[in-house]
């Protein structure tokens, strides 16, 4: 076990040195090399979200056109803005068949009803109020121009930024906003007093607002101007649905188009970076190894230095060529990662604004996170779950270390720029320095993870050996007890054998005794028969004697 652990430590240390070189080269070429050259990350990502448009400064806009739209959305609402969005002239009408504001008003008068109160509108454009006053009918924006202008979504979704052909200055086209706000769905015919009171307020808030009634009490605007609650509410919901619906559709279209464009571009760049990074890493590693061998062993006998170098270069090129299929696979994986990171950055920026260094972290870290979790949850064939967890954790540590390095890159660069002798090279030296440190730290942490898993595995082996020793001791004690029982059993078997011999002798004696008894019985039977015969003879003799005695007595009597 000691020899195994020692050799394993030596292998781990040797692997640490190899990993340090590979990690440093990969970091310098990849995140802190090719990425710095190929990507120009922006605050907030490649697509402007409504959250960034409404809350962040101009540096969080994805394009110059969005920056111009944001600046226009933040202009103070005044007569100039209102004039932009009104259709008081034929030139600005340009929508709905070119109807001006007055033409739309005349068309509404022809309908003959006040959209808020339900009162009749006369053909001459007048309305009789409840108190008998005759007032002029007017056209009102249900959702006011002020509300539309103050809504950032309207500008991001419907505004169009360009340049003035005559002057070349940036210019914002609000024709789409003007079309939406002046659509018939957002226009209501009502009486002049009500329209003047509502002005640019939100309709629901204005209707519910209390006002002094002159009698020490208060009434709402809805009560004061005799609103038909159902009719006016329906008109407001229709207008609000139209305004929000048009803005939402336009915003979805704009952002979807931009996501596809920027996502495709980032997928291509990330795919190329992954493929080129793999080939360049293999090339640099191969050159490093060949140069090291050449320095250590020198030029082979019979070859010139040029021939030796050319042969070694050809081996490196052949190795790089063999890596092309892997590079193609990396291109595909990098493309998917690039597209998904662009989408993820956009989704995150819908809730909070991410600075460009975080955008870089998302792009570079997403692919590593996917690889790590795929390794841990879907281990390659032939790899145990324990080994997959080990490799996945190593990938995760590399992602974390690289991400921290990217976050520190700007700070380190700014610090180095304060040193006069390093200022001209700060932007070049910083990525290399951070890449070296990130690579070394990643390799060291990977080494520690390997050692941790080695200790864990060997601790399990030691516990298993201890258990096996204890088990062998239990088996030895059981075997000893079993041997004792076996000896006792053999002794009992011997005693049983002796008993069986005695039982056999006793049985033989019983057999002989039985034979003797049978002979005695036969003799007795013969003796009994003979005795019976003698008894019969004796009885015959006695009878004869009795008979002879009787004859003698009779004879004597005759004498």
Protein backbone atom coordinates (compact mmCIF):
# COMPACT_ATOMS: atom_id res chain seq x y z
CA UNK A 1 0.00 0.00 0.00
CA UNK A 2 2.88 2.42 0.89
CA UNK A 3 4.58 1.80 -2.44
CA UNK A 4 1.29 2.32 -4.28
CA UNK A 5 0.60 5.65 -2.56
CA UNK A 6 4.14 6.85 -3.14
CA UNK A 7 4.08 6.01 -6.82
CA UNK A 8 0.65 7.61 -7.13
CA UNK A 9 1.95 10.82 -5.55
CA UNK A 10 4.84 10.87 -7.97
CA UNK A 11 2.46 10.40 -10.89
CA UNK A 12 0.26 13.19 -9.60
CA UNK A 13 3.20 15.57 -9.26
CA UNK A 14 4.41 14.75 -12.76
CA UNK A 15 0.89 15.31 -14.08
CA UNK A 16 0.75 18.63 -12.18
CA UNK A 17 3.75 19.96 -14.09
CA UNK A 18 2.26 18.84 -17.42
CA UNK A 19 -1.14 20.35 -16.53
CA UNK A 20 0.46 23.62 -15.48
CA UNK A 21 2.05 23.99 -18.91
CA UNK A 22 -1.12 22.98 -20.76
CA UNK A 23 -3.39 25.20 -18.64
CA UNK A 24 -1.13 28.23 -19.00
CA UNK A 25 -0.93 27.78 -22.76
CA UNK A 26 -4.72 27.22 -23.04
CA UNK A 27 -5.52 30.27 -20.93
CA UNK A 28 -3.13 32.57 -22.80
CA UNK A 29 -4.36 31.37 -26.19
CA UNK A 30 -8.06 31.10 -25.29
CA UNK A 31 -9.84 33.40 -22.81
CA UNK A 32 -6.95 35.85 -22.50
CA UNK A 33 -5.71 35.64 -26.07
CA UNK A 34 -8.05 34.86 -28.93
CA UNK A 35 -11.10 36.13 -27.02
CA UNK A 36 -9.49 39.51 -26.39
CA UNK A 37 -8.67 39.80 -30.10
CA UNK A 38 -11.93 38.42 -31.54
CA UNK A 39 -14.57 39.84 -29.20
CA UNK A 40 -15.48 43.38 -28.28
CA UNK A 41 -17.87 42.93 -25.40
CA UNK A 42 -20.24 45.74 -24.47
CA UNK A 43 -21.95 46.76 -21.27
CA UNK A 44 -25.37 45.15 -21.35
CA UNK A 45 -24.57 42.73 -24.17
CA UNK A 46 -25.25 42.84 -27.90
CA UNK A 47 -28.99 43.61 -27.73
CA UNK A 48 -30.46 46.57 -25.86
CA UNK A 49 -33.07 45.45 -23.35
CA UNK A 50 -35.89 47.65 -22.08
CA UNK A 51 -34.39 47.47 -18.58
CA UNK A 52 -31.07 48.93 -19.76
CA UNK A 53 -32.80 51.43 -22.05
CA UNK A 54 -34.90 52.78 -19.19
CA UNK A 55 -32.43 52.66 -16.29
CA UNK A 56 -28.82 52.56 -17.44
CA UNK A 57 -26.64 55.22 -18.93
CA UNK A 58 -25.80 55.41 -22.61
CA UNK A 59 -22.84 53.02 -22.30
CA UNK A 60 -25.34 50.16 -21.89
CA UNK A 61 -26.81 50.69 -25.35
CA UNK A 62 -25.91 48.00 -27.88
CA UNK A 63 -25.67 50.38 -30.84
CA UNK A 64 -25.35 54.03 -31.74
CA UNK A 65 -28.95 54.05 -32.99
CA UNK A 66 -30.19 52.81 -29.60
CA UNK A 67 -28.07 55.48 -27.95
CA UNK A 68 -29.74 58.15 -30.11
CA UNK A 69 -33.19 56.73 -29.28
CA UNK A 70 -32.39 56.77 -25.57
CA UNK A 71 -31.26 60.39 -25.72
CA UNK A 72 -34.44 61.35 -27.57
CA UNK A 73 -36.62 59.49 -25.05
CA UNK A 74 -35.11 61.54 -22.24
CA UNK A 75 -35.88 64.92 -23.76
CA UNK A 76 -38.31 66.92 -21.68
CA UNK A 77 -41.88 66.78 -22.90
CA UNK A 78 -42.69 70.20 -24.31
CA UNK A 79 -44.42 71.80 -27.24
CA UNK A 80 -41.62 70.67 -29.51
CA UNK A 81 -42.12 66.98 -28.64
CA UNK A 82 -45.88 67.38 -28.87
CA UNK A 83 -45.53 69.01 -32.26
CA UNK A 84 -43.46 66.02 -33.48
CA UNK A 85 -46.22 63.58 -32.56
CA UNK A 86 -49.26 65.61 -33.65
CA UNK A 87 -50.88 65.28 -37.08
CA UNK A 88 -51.95 68.91 -37.47
CA UNK A 89 -50.64 69.12 -41.04
CA UNK A 90 -50.85 66.98 -44.14
CA UNK A 91 -47.11 66.43 -44.07
CA UNK A 92 -47.21 64.96 -40.56
CA UNK A 93 -50.51 63.15 -41.07
CA UNK A 94 -49.04 60.76 -43.60
CA UNK A 95 -51.03 57.88 -42.02
CA UNK A 96 -54.59 56.61 -42.22
CA UNK A 97 -54.91 57.96 -45.73
CA UNK A 98 -53.27 61.27 -44.79
CA UNK A 99 -56.01 62.53 -42.48
CA UNK A 100 -55.15 65.53 -40.37
CA UNK A 101 -56.30 66.03 -36.79
CA UNK A 102 -59.28 68.15 -37.86
CA UNK A 103 -60.31 65.63 -40.51
CA UNK A 104 -60.26 62.86 -37.93
CA UNK A 105 -62.29 65.04 -35.55
CA UNK A 106 -64.91 65.71 -38.24
CA UNK A 107 -65.13 61.99 -38.91
CA UNK A 108 -65.74 61.29 -35.23
CA UNK A 109 -68.43 64.00 -35.05
CA UNK A 110 -70.25 62.15 -37.77
CA UNK A 111 -70.61 59.19 -35.37
CA UNK A 112 -72.79 61.43 -33.18
CA UNK A 113 -71.74 60.24 -29.68
CA UNK A 114 -69.43 61.35 -26.88
CA UNK A 115 -67.03 58.39 -26.30
CA UNK A 116 -66.68 59.15 -22.56
CA UNK A 117 -70.18 60.23 -21.50
CA UNK A 118 -72.42 58.74 -24.17
CA UNK A 119 -74.10 62.09 -24.81
CA UNK A 120 -75.30 62.99 -28.28
CA UNK A 121 -72.98 65.07 -30.48
CA UNK A 122 -74.81 67.36 -32.85
CA UNK A 123 -73.90 67.63 -36.51
CA UNK A 124 -72.50 71.10 -35.85
CA UNK A 125 -69.99 69.61 -33.37
CA UNK A 126 -71.65 70.69 -30.13
CA UNK A 127 -72.71 68.73 -27.04
CA UNK A 128 -75.42 69.66 -24.50
CA UNK A 129 -74.17 68.93 -20.95
CA UNK A 130 -76.31 67.89 -18.00
CA UNK A 131 -76.42 71.45 -16.66
CA UNK A 132 -77.75 72.73 -20.00
CA UNK A 133 -74.51 74.24 -21.27
CA UNK A 134 -73.72 73.79 -24.94
CA UNK A 135 -70.02 73.10 -25.47
CA UNK A 136 -67.77 72.24 -28.35
CA UNK A 137 -66.87 68.62 -29.13
CA UNK A 138 -63.11 67.88 -29.23
CA UNK A 139 -60.90 64.95 -30.15
CA UNK A 140 -58.78 63.53 -27.32
CA UNK A 141 -55.82 61.10 -27.13
CA UNK A 142 -57.07 58.48 -24.67
CA UNK A 143 -53.47 57.59 -23.88
CA UNK A 144 -51.94 61.03 -24.09
CA UNK A 145 -48.94 62.04 -26.19
CA UNK A 146 -47.14 62.85 -22.94
CA UNK A 147 -47.66 59.33 -21.62
CA UNK A 148 -46.43 57.81 -24.87
CA UNK A 149 -43.36 60.05 -24.95
CA UNK A 150 -42.49 59.26 -21.32
CA UNK A 151 -42.70 55.49 -21.94
CA UNK A 152 -39.16 54.24 -22.86
CA UNK A 153 -40.63 51.15 -24.53
CA UNK A 154 -42.29 53.27 -27.21
CA UNK A 155 -38.97 54.83 -28.24
CA UNK A 156 -36.95 51.58 -28.17
CA UNK A 157 -39.64 49.63 -30.05
CA UNK A 158 -40.97 52.19 -32.54
CA UNK A 159 -38.28 54.86 -32.84
CA UNK A 160 -35.86 54.80 -35.77
CA UNK A 161 -32.50 56.51 -35.63
CA UNK A 162 -30.69 57.70 -38.71
CA UNK A 163 -28.91 60.73 -40.05
CA UNK A 164 -30.09 63.83 -41.80
CA UNK A 165 -29.08 63.52 -45.49
CA UNK A 166 -28.45 67.25 -45.77
CA UNK A 167 -26.41 67.81 -42.60
CA UNK A 168 -25.26 64.28 -41.68
CA UNK A 169 -26.35 64.82 -38.09
CA UNK A 170 -28.10 62.02 -36.19
CA UNK A 171 -31.85 62.22 -36.34
CA UNK A 172 -34.67 60.21 -34.77
CA UNK A 173 -37.68 59.30 -36.87
CA UNK A 174 -40.84 59.22 -34.72
CA UNK A 175 -43.30 58.55 -37.54
CA UNK A 176 -44.12 55.05 -36.22
CA UNK A 177 -44.81 56.47 -32.75
CA UNK A 178 -46.91 59.21 -34.30
CA UNK A 179 -48.90 56.61 -36.24
CA UNK A 180 -49.61 54.54 -33.13
CA UNK A 181 -50.58 57.43 -30.88
CA UNK A 182 -52.92 58.93 -33.51
CA UNK A 183 -54.60 55.69 -34.48
CA UNK A 184 -58.40 55.71 -34.23
CA UNK A 185 -58.16 53.13 -31.45
CA UNK A 186 -56.50 55.81 -29.29
CA UNK A 187 -58.81 58.71 -30.22
CA UNK A 188 -62.02 59.64 -28.39
CA UNK A 189 -64.55 62.36 -29.13
CA UNK A 190 -65.65 64.20 -25.99
CA UNK A 191 -66.70 67.63 -24.71
CA UNK A 192 -64.26 70.48 -24.29
CA UNK A 193 -64.50 70.90 -20.45
CA UNK A 194 -63.75 67.22 -19.88
CA UNK A 195 -60.91 67.23 -22.40
CA UNK A 196 -59.37 70.34 -20.85
CA UNK A 197 -59.52 68.82 -17.36
CA UNK A 198 -58.07 65.45 -18.42
CA UNK A 199 -55.27 67.11 -20.38
CA UNK A 200 -52.15 64.83 -20.38
CA UNK A 201 -53.11 62.77 -17.32
CA UNK A 202 -53.58 59.02 -17.26
CA UNK A 203 -57.28 58.53 -17.88
CA UNK A 204 -57.97 56.12 -14.99
CA UNK A 205 -56.03 58.19 -12.47
CA UNK A 206 -57.74 61.39 -13.62
CA UNK A 207 -61.24 59.83 -13.46
CA UNK A 208 -60.69 58.57 -9.89
CA UNK A 209 -59.16 61.82 -8.61
CA UNK A 210 -61.18 63.79 -6.04
CA UNK A 211 -62.02 67.45 -6.62
CA UNK A 212 -63.73 70.08 -4.43
CA UNK A 213 -67.44 70.34 -5.21
CA UNK A 214 -67.89 73.82 -3.68
CA UNK A 215 -70.14 72.54 -0.89
CA UNK A 216 -67.51 71.38 1.55
CA UNK A 217 -67.43 67.90 0.03
CA UNK A 218 -65.59 66.19 -2.76
CA UNK A 219 -66.55 64.46 -5.94
CA UNK A 220 -64.42 62.57 -8.44
CA UNK A 221 -63.76 63.77 -11.95
CA UNK A 222 -65.84 60.87 -13.20
CA UNK A 223 -68.81 62.18 -11.21
CA UNK A 224 -68.14 65.81 -12.04
CA UNK A 225 -68.10 65.26 -15.80
CA UNK A 226 -70.81 62.58 -15.80
CA UNK A 227 -68.68 59.81 -17.26
CA UNK A 228 -70.34 56.65 -18.50
CA UNK A 229 -68.06 54.29 -16.55
CA UNK A 230 -68.60 51.25 -18.79
CA UNK A 231 -68.33 53.19 -22.05
CA UNK A 232 -65.28 55.20 -20.99
CA UNK A 233 -63.60 52.14 -19.40
CA UNK A 234 -64.06 50.12 -22.57
CA UNK A 235 -62.59 52.93 -24.65
CA UNK A 236 -59.58 53.22 -22.32
CA UNK A 237 -58.89 49.46 -22.34
CA UNK A 238 -59.11 49.45 -26.13
CA UNK A 239 -56.66 52.33 -26.42
CA UNK A 240 -54.22 50.89 -23.87
CA UNK A 241 -54.30 47.46 -25.55
CA UNK A 242 -53.58 49.11 -28.90
CA UNK A 243 -50.66 51.20 -27.62
CA UNK A 244 -49.05 48.39 -25.61
CA UNK A 245 -49.75 45.75 -28.25
CA UNK A 246 -48.11 47.74 -31.05
CA UNK A 247 -45.09 48.53 -28.88
CA UNK A 248 -44.73 44.93 -27.69
CA UNK A 249 -44.94 43.53 -31.20
CA UNK A 250 -42.43 46.02 -32.55
CA UNK A 251 -40.06 45.41 -29.63
CA UNK A 252 -40.25 41.62 -30.02
CA UNK A 253 -39.54 41.93 -33.73
CA UNK A 254 -36.61 44.29 -33.17
CA UNK A 255 -35.03 42.23 -30.39
CA UNK A 256 -35.62 38.88 -32.11
CA UNK A 257 -33.97 40.14 -35.29
CA UNK A 258 -31.03 41.54 -33.33
CA UNK A 259 -30.71 38.36 -31.24
CA UNK A 260 -30.54 36.22 -34.37
CA UNK A 261 -28.03 38.52 -36.02
CA UNK A 262 -25.74 39.02 -33.03
CA UNK A 263 -26.24 35.42 -31.85
CA UNK A 264 -25.21 34.09 -35.25
CA UNK A 265 -22.19 36.38 -35.30
CA UNK A 266 -21.17 35.41 -31.78
CA UNK A 267 -21.73 31.72 -32.55
CA UNK A 268 -19.40 31.99 -35.55
CA UNK A 269 -16.76 33.86 -33.55
CA UNK A 270 -16.97 31.51 -30.57
CA UNK A 271 -16.84 28.46 -32.82
CA UNK A 272 -13.76 29.76 -34.60
CA UNK A 273 -12.17 30.64 -31.28
CA UNK A 274 -12.71 27.14 -29.91
CA UNK A 275 -11.42 25.44 -33.03
CA UNK A 276 -8.41 27.72 -33.46
CA UNK A 277 -7.71 27.57 -29.74
CA UNK A 278 -7.54 23.77 -29.80
CA UNK A 279 -5.24 23.69 -32.85
CA UNK A 280 -2.98 26.47 -31.55
CA UNK A 281 -2.74 24.84 -28.13
CA UNK A 282 -1.80 21.54 -29.75
CA UNK A 283 0.74 23.34 -31.95
CA UNK A 284 2.42 25.19 -29.07
CA UNK A 285 2.46 22.08 -26.87
CA UNK A 286 3.94 20.03 -29.69
CA UNK A 287 6.64 22.61 -30.41
CA UNK A 288 7.46 22.87 -26.71
CA UNK A 289 7.83 19.08 -26.38
CA UNK A 290 9.92 18.73 -29.54
CA UNK A 291 12.23 21.58 -28.58
CA UNK A 292 12.66 20.11 -25.09
CA UNK A 293 13.56 16.70 -26.53
CA UNK A 294 15.93 18.28 -29.05
CA UNK A 295 17.72 20.24 -26.34
CA UNK A 296 17.91 17.21 -24.06
CA UNK A 297 19.13 14.64 -26.60
CA UNK A 298 20.63 16.79 -29.31
CA UNK A 299 20.71 16.04 -33.04
CA UNK A 300 20.52 12.37 -33.99
CA UNK A 301 23.64 10.84 -35.52
CA UNK A 302 23.84 11.20 -39.28
CA UNK A 303 21.42 14.15 -39.43
CA UNK A 304 21.97 17.85 -39.76
CA UNK A 305 20.29 20.34 -37.44
CA UNK A 306 18.06 21.49 -40.28
CA UNK A 307 16.93 17.91 -41.01
CA UNK A 308 16.27 17.26 -37.33
CA UNK A 309 14.24 20.44 -36.94
CA UNK A 310 12.30 19.79 -40.16
CA UNK A 311 11.48 16.24 -39.06
CA UNK A 312 10.27 17.38 -35.69
CA UNK A 313 8.20 20.18 -37.23
CA UNK A 314 6.56 17.66 -39.57
CA UNK A 315 5.65 15.51 -36.55
CA UNK A 316 4.07 18.52 -34.86
CA UNK A 317 2.14 19.40 -38.02
CA UNK A 318 0.93 15.81 -38.35
CA UNK A 319 -0.26 15.89 -34.74
CA UNK A 320 -2.11 19.15 -35.34
CA UNK A 321 -3.71 17.74 -38.50
CA UNK A 322 -4.96 14.73 -36.56
CA UNK A 323 -6.67 17.17 -34.20
CA UNK A 324 -8.71 18.78 -36.99
CA UNK A 325 -11.80 16.50 -36.42
CA UNK A 326 -11.72 17.46 -32.73
CA UNK A 327 -11.38 21.11 -33.76
CA UNK A 328 -14.46 20.79 -35.98
CA UNK A 329 -16.37 19.36 -33.02
CA UNK A 330 -15.16 22.26 -30.89
CA UNK A 331 -16.34 24.69 -33.59
CA UNK A 332 -19.86 23.27 -33.31
CA UNK A 333 -19.84 23.25 -29.49
CA UNK A 334 -18.38 26.76 -29.40
CA UNK A 335 -21.03 27.98 -31.87
CA UNK A 336 -23.84 26.63 -29.69
CA UNK A 337 -22.19 28.11 -26.60
CA UNK A 338 -21.73 31.49 -28.29
CA UNK A 339 -25.36 31.70 -29.38
CA UNK A 340 -26.65 30.57 -25.98
CA UNK A 341 -24.37 32.99 -24.09
CA UNK A 342 -25.69 35.85 -26.23
CA UNK A 343 -29.25 34.80 -25.43
CA UNK A 344 -28.48 34.31 -21.72
CA UNK A 345 -26.87 37.75 -21.51
CA UNK A 346 -29.99 39.28 -23.09
CA UNK A 347 -32.29 37.46 -20.64
CA UNK A 348 -30.22 38.55 -17.63
CA UNK A 349 -30.21 42.16 -18.80
CA UNK A 350 -33.99 42.19 -18.74
CA UNK A 351 -33.67 42.17 -14.93
CA UNK A 352 -30.33 43.83 -14.15
CA UNK A 353 -27.58 45.54 -16.08
CA UNK A 354 -24.40 43.55 -16.63
CA UNK A 355 -21.09 45.31 -17.20
CA UNK A 356 -19.00 44.13 -20.14
CA UNK A 357 -16.66 42.10 -17.92
CA UNK A 358 -19.66 40.09 -16.75
CA UNK A 359 -20.72 39.67 -20.38
CA UNK A 360 -17.28 38.19 -21.04
CA UNK A 361 -17.62 35.88 -18.03
CA UNK A 362 -21.01 34.67 -19.25
CA UNK A 363 -19.67 33.96 -22.73
CA UNK A 364 -16.51 32.19 -21.59
CA UNK A 365 -18.06 30.41 -18.62
CA UNK A 366 -21.23 29.04 -20.21
CA UNK A 367 -19.46 26.49 -22.39
CA UNK A 368 -17.36 25.30 -19.45
CA UNK A 369 -20.41 24.99 -17.21
CA UNK A 370 -22.23 22.94 -19.84
CA UNK A 371 -19.21 20.66 -20.23
CA UNK A 372 -18.86 20.25 -16.46
CA UNK A 373 -22.50 19.40 -15.79
CA UNK A 374 -22.68 17.12 -18.84
CA UNK A 375 -19.60 15.29 -17.54
CA UNK A 376 -21.08 14.90 -14.04
CA UNK A 377 -24.64 13.95 -14.98
CA UNK A 378 -23.97 12.09 -18.25
CA UNK A 379 -20.58 10.36 -17.78
CA UNK A 380 -18.82 9.09 -20.93
CA UNK A 381 -18.91 5.38 -21.58
CA UNK A 382 -16.40 3.51 -19.44
CA UNK A 383 -16.19 6.23 -16.76
CA UNK A 384 -17.66 5.69 -13.31
CA UNK A 385 -19.82 8.27 -11.60
CA UNK A 386 -17.02 8.96 -9.12
CA UNK A 387 -14.52 9.65 -11.91
CA UNK A 388 -17.05 11.81 -13.79
CA UNK A 389 -17.62 13.90 -10.64
CA UNK A 390 -13.86 14.33 -10.26
CA UNK A 391 -13.40 15.51 -13.86
CA UNK A 392 -16.49 17.74 -13.70
CA UNK A 393 -15.22 19.49 -10.56
CA UNK A 394 -11.89 20.13 -12.26
CA UNK A 395 -13.66 21.77 -15.21
CA UNK A 396 -15.76 23.87 -12.82
CA UNK A 397 -12.68 25.10 -10.94
CA UNK A 398 -11.11 26.14 -14.26
CA UNK A 399 -14.29 28.05 -15.15
CA UNK A 400 -14.36 29.82 -11.77
CA UNK A 401 -10.67 30.72 -11.84
CA UNK A 402 -10.90 32.00 -15.43
CA UNK A 403 -13.99 34.04 -14.56
CA UNK A 404 -12.27 35.65 -11.58
CA UNK A 405 -9.29 36.42 -13.81
CA UNK A 406 -11.54 38.11 -16.37
CA UNK A 407 -13.20 40.19 -13.66
CA UNK A 408 -9.78 41.29 -12.40
CA UNK A 409 -8.35 41.94 -15.85
CA UNK A 410 -9.51 45.57 -16.10
CA UNK A 411 -8.46 46.37 -12.55
CA UNK A 412 -4.98 44.88 -13.06
CA UNK A 413 -4.65 46.68 -16.40
CA UNK A 414 -5.65 49.99 -14.79
CA UNK A 415 -3.12 49.43 -11.99
CA UNK A 416 -0.31 48.60 -14.41
CA UNK A 417 -1.17 51.69 -16.46
CA UNK A 418 -0.31 53.79 -13.40
CA UNK A 419 3.30 52.55 -13.62
CA UNK A 420 5.11 54.72 -16.17
CA UNK A 421 7.44 51.98 -17.43
CA UNK A 422 4.53 49.52 -17.92
CA UNK A 423 1.85 51.89 -19.21
CA UNK A 424 2.65 51.39 -22.93
CA UNK A 425 2.44 47.61 -22.52
CA UNK A 426 -0.36 47.34 -19.93
CA UNK A 427 -3.02 46.15 -22.35
CA UNK A 428 -0.67 43.50 -23.77
CA UNK A 429 1.02 42.33 -20.59
CA UNK A 430 -2.11 42.13 -18.41
CA UNK A 431 -3.91 39.33 -20.35
CA UNK A 432 -0.68 37.30 -20.49
CA UNK A 433 -0.02 37.76 -16.77
CA UNK A 434 -3.61 36.96 -15.79
CA UNK A 435 -3.60 33.97 -18.17
CA UNK A 436 -0.42 32.56 -16.58
CA UNK A 437 -1.75 33.00 -13.04
CA UNK A 438 -5.16 31.56 -13.97
CA UNK A 439 -3.55 28.56 -15.66
CA UNK A 440 -1.25 27.82 -12.72
CA UNK A 441 -4.05 28.18 -10.18
CA UNK A 442 -6.40 26.00 -12.26
CA UNK A 443 -3.76 23.26 -12.54
CA UNK A 444 -2.99 23.45 -8.80
CA UNK A 445 -6.67 23.20 -7.84
CA UNK A 446 -7.11 20.28 -10.25
CA UNK A 447 -4.13 18.59 -8.55
CA UNK A 448 -5.72 19.13 -5.13
CA UNK A 449 -9.01 17.65 -6.37
CA UNK A 450 -7.14 14.58 -7.68
CA UNK A 451 -5.34 14.19 -4.34
CA UNK A 452 -8.61 14.57 -2.43
CA UNK A 453 -10.27 11.86 -4.48
CA UNK A 454 -7.17 9.65 -4.15
CA UNK A 455 -7.26 9.98 -0.36
CA UNK A 456 -10.96 9.26 -0.40
CA UNK A 457 -10.52 6.15 -2.53
CA UNK A 458 -7.55 4.82 -0.51
CA UNK A 459 -9.30 5.52 2.77
CA UNK A 460 -12.08 3.34 1.48
CA UNK A 461 -9.52 0.65 0.54
CA UNK A 462 -7.92 0.81 4.01
CA UNK A 463 -11.27 0.47 5.72
CA UNK A 464 -12.02 -2.45 3.42
CA UNK A 465 -8.69 -4.12 4.33
CA UNK A 466 -9.35 -3.59 8.05
CA UNK A 467 -12.73 -5.16 7.65
CA UNK A 468 -11.19 -8.06 5.71
CA UNK A 469 -8.59 -8.63 8.48
CA UNK A 470 -11.27 -8.58 11.15
CA UNK A 471 -13.35 -10.94 9.07
CA UNK A 472 -10.40 -13.31 8.63
CA UNK A 473 -9.89 -13.32 12.40
CA UNK A 474 -13.53 -14.18 12.90
CA UNK A 475 -13.19 -16.94 10.30
CA UNK A 476 -10.02 -18.28 12.02
CA UNK A 477 -11.81 -18.45 15.40
CA UNK A 478 -14.72 -20.18 13.74
CA UNK A 479 -12.35 -22.65 12.06
CA UNK A 480 -10.64 -23.42 15.40
CA UNK A 481 -13.98 -24.03 17.05
CA UNK A 482 -15.03 -26.15 14.11
CA UNK A 483 -11.79 -28.22 14.45
CA UNK A 484 -12.50 -28.80 18.17
CA UNK A 485 -16.01 -29.91 17.36
CA UNK A 486 -14.64 -32.16 14.63
CA UNK A 487 -12.20 -33.82 17.08
CA UNK A 488 -15.02 -34.36 19.54
CA UNK A 489 -17.14 -35.80 16.79
CA UNK A 490 -14.31 -38.17 15.72
CA UNK A 491 -13.88 -39.29 19.37
CA UNK A 492 -17.62 -39.92 19.59
CA UNK A 493 -17.46 -41.86 16.33
CA UNK A 494 -14.63 -44.08 17.76
CA UNK A 495 -16.66 -44.73 20.90
CA UNK A 496 -19.66 -45.52 18.74
CA UNK A 497 -17.47 -48.01 16.79
CA UNK A 498 -16.36 -49.75 20.00
CA UNK A 499 -19.95 -49.88 21.25
CA UNK A 500 -21.01 -51.39 17.93
CA UNK A 501 -18.28 -54.11 18.35
CA UNK A 502 -19.54 -54.92 21.83
CA UNK A 503 -23.07 -54.95 20.55
CA UNK A 504 -21.98 -57.38 17.83
CA UNK A 505 -20.28 -59.72 20.41
CA UNK A 506 -23.34 -59.56 22.62
CA UNK A 507 -25.44 -60.35 19.59
CA UNK A 508 -23.25 -63.37 18.78
CA UNK A 509 -23.56 -64.56 22.39
CA UNK A 510 -27.29 -64.04 22.15
CA UNK A 511 -27.25 -66.10 18.93
CA UNK A 512 -25.30 -68.95 20.51
CA UNK A 513 -27.55 -68.89 23.55
CA UNK A 514 -30.54 -69.05 21.22
CA UNK A 515 -29.11 -72.05 19.44
CA UNK A 516 -28.42 -73.77 22.80
CA UNK A 517 -31.87 -72.92 23.99
CA UNK A 518 -33.32 -74.41 20.80
CA UNK A 519 -31.31 -77.62 21.35
CA UNK A 520 -32.39 -77.75 25.01
CA UNK A 521 -35.96 -77.23 23.92
CA UNK A 522 -35.73 -80.06 21.41
CA UNK A 523 -34.14 -82.30 24.07
CA UNK A 524 -36.85 -81.37 26.47
CA UNK A 525 -39.45 -82.11 23.87
CA UNK A 526 -37.88 -85.57 23.30
CA UNK A 527 -37.60 -86.13 27.03
CA UNK A 528 -41.22 -85.15 27.46
CA UNK A 529 -42.22 -87.50 24.69
CA UNK A 530 -40.18 -90.31 26.16
CA UNK A 531 -41.49 -89.53 29.63
CA UNK A 532 -45.04 -89.56 28.26
CA UNK A 533 -44.28 -92.92 26.61
CA UNK A 534 -42.79 -94.28 29.84
CA UNK A 535 -45.72 -92.96 31.80
CA UNK A 536 -48.03 -94.76 29.40
CA UNK A 537 -45.99 -97.92 29.75
CA UNK A 538 -45.98 -97.50 33.53
CA UNK A 539 -49.71 -97.03 33.47
CA UNK A 540 -50.03 -100.20 31.37
CA UNK A 541 -47.78 -102.13 33.78
CA UNK A 542 -49.68 -100.82 36.77
CA UNK A 543 -52.90 -101.82 35.11
CA UNK A 544 -51.44 -105.21 34.31
CA UNK A 545 -50.22 -105.57 37.88
CA UNK A 546 -53.64 -104.59 39.15
CA UNK A 547 -55.18 -107.04 36.79
CA UNK A 548 -52.64 -109.78 37.72
CA UNK A 549 -53.17 -109.09 41.41
CA UNK A 550 -56.86 -109.41 40.89
CA UNK A 551 -56.35 -112.72 39.13
CA UNK A 552 -54.05 -113.86 41.96
CA UNK A 553 -56.52 -112.89 44.56
CA UNK A 554 -59.25 -114.66 42.67
CA UNK A 555 -56.99 -117.66 42.35
CA UNK A 556 -56.20 -117.64 45.99
CA UNK A 557 -59.80 -117.40 46.77
CA UNK A 558 -60.49 -120.49 44.83
CA UNK A 559 -57.92 -122.37 46.69
